[in-house]
């Protein structure tokens, strides 16, 4: 689930500029996070990939107008899915294992539904356009195939409910439910 940052596809994905900032800020705030907008052409603090990719330091998600919406949601989902200990010292590299990374990708698709002008289907297309890499090839095929493992991880950590709706809470180290 690595994301590349090919600048040539930047015009084909939904960006922060395309969305309602109040909706994004409210979504982030519901998880105790905040959006910090960076001026055009400035380096994005906390960006793991650089270029237009969102950054994450503490509870702040950094983005520019040209930051892809999927990238912004991806960083928010890292913040949601990591345990308390990593969240307390978060600076750029979210860490985590492959299962958590898969859960991050799955949750970003679910949260895309919370943003008018984006949605799950567009998020999946944008993930493909941006270069996310899944064993099953497309993000959509992964989401409805091997993504079931990420779904189970999110359920076990109480980050989604049985109806596949985000619970709007952060992962807590002690909150793991056996499935």
Foldseek 3Di string as FASTA:
>chain_A
DDFAADPVCLVVAAFQLNFDQVLVQVLLVLAPAGEDEDEPPDWAFQAQRTDQAWHDFQRYIYGYRSHGLLRSQLNSLLLQQAEPVLSVGDGNDSDDDPLSSLLSNLVSLQCLCSTPPAHNVSSQVVRLSRPDDDPVRGSVCCCVPVSVSSVLQCVQQVQADPVRHGPSYGRYPPRGHDD
